[in-house]
Protein backbone atom coordinates (compact mmCIF):
# COMPACT_ATOMS: atom_id res chain seq x y z
CA MET A 1 -66.56 -1.97 35.04
CA ARG A 2 -67.92 -3.14 32.16
CA ILE A 3 -65.89 -5.13 29.72
CA ASP A 4 -67.10 -1.86 26.63
CA LYS A 5 -66.23 0.75 29.20
CA TYR A 6 -63.21 -0.99 30.26
CA LEU A 7 -61.86 -1.79 26.76
CA TRP A 8 -62.83 2.41 25.24
CA SER A 9 -61.10 3.23 28.61
CA THR A 10 -58.07 1.42 27.63
CA ARG A 11 -58.32 3.03 24.31
CA TYR A 12 -58.70 0.04 22.10
CA TYR A 13 -61.80 0.93 21.35
CA LYS A 14 -62.26 4.51 19.38
CA THR A 15 -65.75 5.14 20.85
CA ARG A 16 -67.30 2.87 23.74
CA ASN A 17 -70.43 1.85 21.04
CA MET A 18 -67.26 0.38 18.93
CA ALA A 19 -66.41 -1.46 21.73
CA ALA A 20 -69.91 -2.47 22.72
CA GLU A 21 -70.70 -3.87 18.96
CA ALA A 22 -67.46 -6.00 19.58
CA CYS A 23 -68.83 -7.51 22.25
CA LYS A 24 -72.24 -8.34 19.96
CA LYS A 25 -70.34 -10.16 17.49
CA GLY A 26 -68.22 -12.39 19.68
CA HIS A 27 -64.92 -10.40 19.12
CA VAL A 28 -64.03 -10.35 22.61
CA ARG A 29 -63.67 -13.56 24.91
CA ILE A 30 -62.97 -13.24 29.13
CA ASN A 31 -60.65 -16.05 30.50
CA GLY A 32 -61.69 -18.12 26.93
CA LYS A 33 -65.65 -17.56 27.36
CA THR A 34 -67.50 -14.83 24.38
CA ALA A 35 -68.47 -11.11 26.74
CA LYS A 36 -71.44 -9.47 26.39
CA PRO A 37 -71.06 -6.15 26.98
CA SER A 38 -72.38 -5.93 30.42
CA ARG A 39 -69.75 -8.66 31.54
CA GLU A 40 -67.86 -7.30 34.63
CA VAL A 41 -64.15 -6.95 34.36
CA TYR A 42 -61.82 -7.61 37.22
CA LYS A 43 -58.18 -7.77 37.92
CA GLN A 44 -56.08 -11.02 36.59
CA ASP A 45 -59.21 -11.50 33.85
CA GLU A 46 -57.70 -12.75 30.70
CA ILE A 47 -58.93 -10.78 27.63
CA ILE A 48 -58.70 -11.24 24.24
CA VAL A 49 -60.01 -9.09 21.59
CA ARG A 50 -60.08 -9.46 17.68
CA LYS A 51 -59.03 -6.42 16.31
CA ASN A 52 -58.30 -5.88 11.99
CA GLN A 53 -57.36 -9.65 11.83
CA ILE A 54 -54.93 -9.99 14.90
CA ASN A 55 -56.44 -11.96 18.90
CA TYR A 56 -54.69 -9.06 21.43
CA GLU A 57 -54.34 -11.00 24.91
CA LEU A 58 -54.39 -8.78 27.27
CA SER A 59 -54.06 -9.05 31.01
CA VAL A 60 -56.47 -6.77 33.81
CA LEU A 61 -53.89 -5.53 36.15
CA ASP A 62 -56.30 -2.81 37.47
CA VAL A 63 -59.77 -1.34 36.33
CA PRO A 64 -59.46 2.44 35.71
CA SER A 65 -62.57 5.49 37.09
CA SER A 66 -62.21 6.68 33.35
CA ARG A 67 -60.93 7.05 30.15
CA VAL A 68 -56.93 7.13 30.54
CA SER A 69 -54.67 8.69 28.31
CA ALA A 70 -52.37 7.62 26.06
CA LYS A 71 -49.46 6.82 28.64
CA LEU A 72 -51.07 5.50 31.72
CA VAL A 73 -52.47 2.98 29.71
CA ASP A 74 -49.88 -0.22 30.46
CA ILE A 75 -50.64 0.82 34.07
CA TYR A 76 -54.33 -0.98 33.93
CA ARG A 77 -53.17 -3.38 31.29
CA LYS A 78 -50.56 -5.46 30.32
CA ASP A 79 -50.07 -6.89 26.59
CA THR A 80 -49.44 -10.22 26.03
CA THR A 81 -49.81 -10.50 22.29
CA PRO A 82 -46.98 -12.84 20.72
CA LYS A 83 -44.75 -11.03 18.41
CA GLU A 84 -45.37 -13.13 15.81
CA VAL A 85 -48.74 -12.21 15.20
CA PHE A 86 -48.00 -8.92 14.38
CA GLN A 87 -45.38 -10.39 12.00
CA ASN A 88 -47.85 -12.86 10.60
CA HIS A 89 -50.73 -10.13 9.76
CA GLU A 90 -47.57 -7.89 8.19
CA LEU A 91 -46.49 -11.17 5.87
CA MET A 92 -50.26 -11.53 5.08
CA GLN A 93 -50.64 -7.50 4.47
CA LEU A 94 -47.57 -7.67 1.91
CA ASN A 95 -49.32 -11.23 -0.20
CA LYS A 96 -52.32 -8.80 -0.76
CA LYS A 97 -50.21 -6.26 -2.17
CA GLN A 98 -49.06 -9.34 -4.76
CA TYR A 99 -53.01 -10.39 -6.22
CA ARG A 100 -54.63 -8.27 -9.23
CA GLN A 101 -57.36 -5.62 -7.59
CA LYS A 102 -61.16 -6.56 -9.15
CA GLY A 103 -61.42 -4.84 -12.20
CA GLU A 104 -57.93 -4.08 -13.09
CA GLY A 105 -58.54 -5.56 -16.41
CA ARG A 106 -56.70 -9.12 -17.94
CA PRO A 107 -53.23 -10.08 -17.59
CA THR A 108 -50.62 -8.41 -19.51
CA LYS A 109 -48.72 -11.07 -21.72
CA LYS A 110 -45.86 -11.62 -19.40
CA GLU A 111 -48.54 -12.53 -16.24
CA ARG A 112 -49.99 -14.88 -18.69
CA ARG A 113 -46.46 -16.43 -18.98
CA ASP A 114 -45.31 -16.07 -15.58
CA ILE A 115 -49.08 -18.26 -14.84
CA ASP A 116 -48.62 -20.80 -18.06
CA ASP A 117 -44.94 -21.35 -16.03
CA TYR A 118 -46.58 -21.74 -13.12
CA LEU A 119 -49.10 -24.13 -13.92
CA ASP A 120 -46.36 -26.22 -15.93
CA GLU A 121 -44.40 -26.89 -12.68
CA SER A 122 -46.95 -27.96 -10.67
CA GLU A 123 -48.29 -30.69 -13.46
């Protein structure tokens, strides 16, 4: 089975076209090598999919004949992604909330004082 069809059938991408685009952009690797959308997938292949700034690591257990339901996905693949990756992603998302959004204007008086205190401490 083609890698784009495999990723679509195991529900990593909503459409097969999205899976093919991810392959073309180099977000999909099979056994450490960048995969084109037409690359065949076999049992025991190791796949790395970069999606939403997370590298998902998969082991192919079996190849489905067509798209499978969400309950049956675990029959065809084993997710070996370390939990630390998800924790780091969560921390990164929380960290983004601390920054001022573009266009929010100048810092308030309190924020300005905090910035000055931080810069004085670092010197």
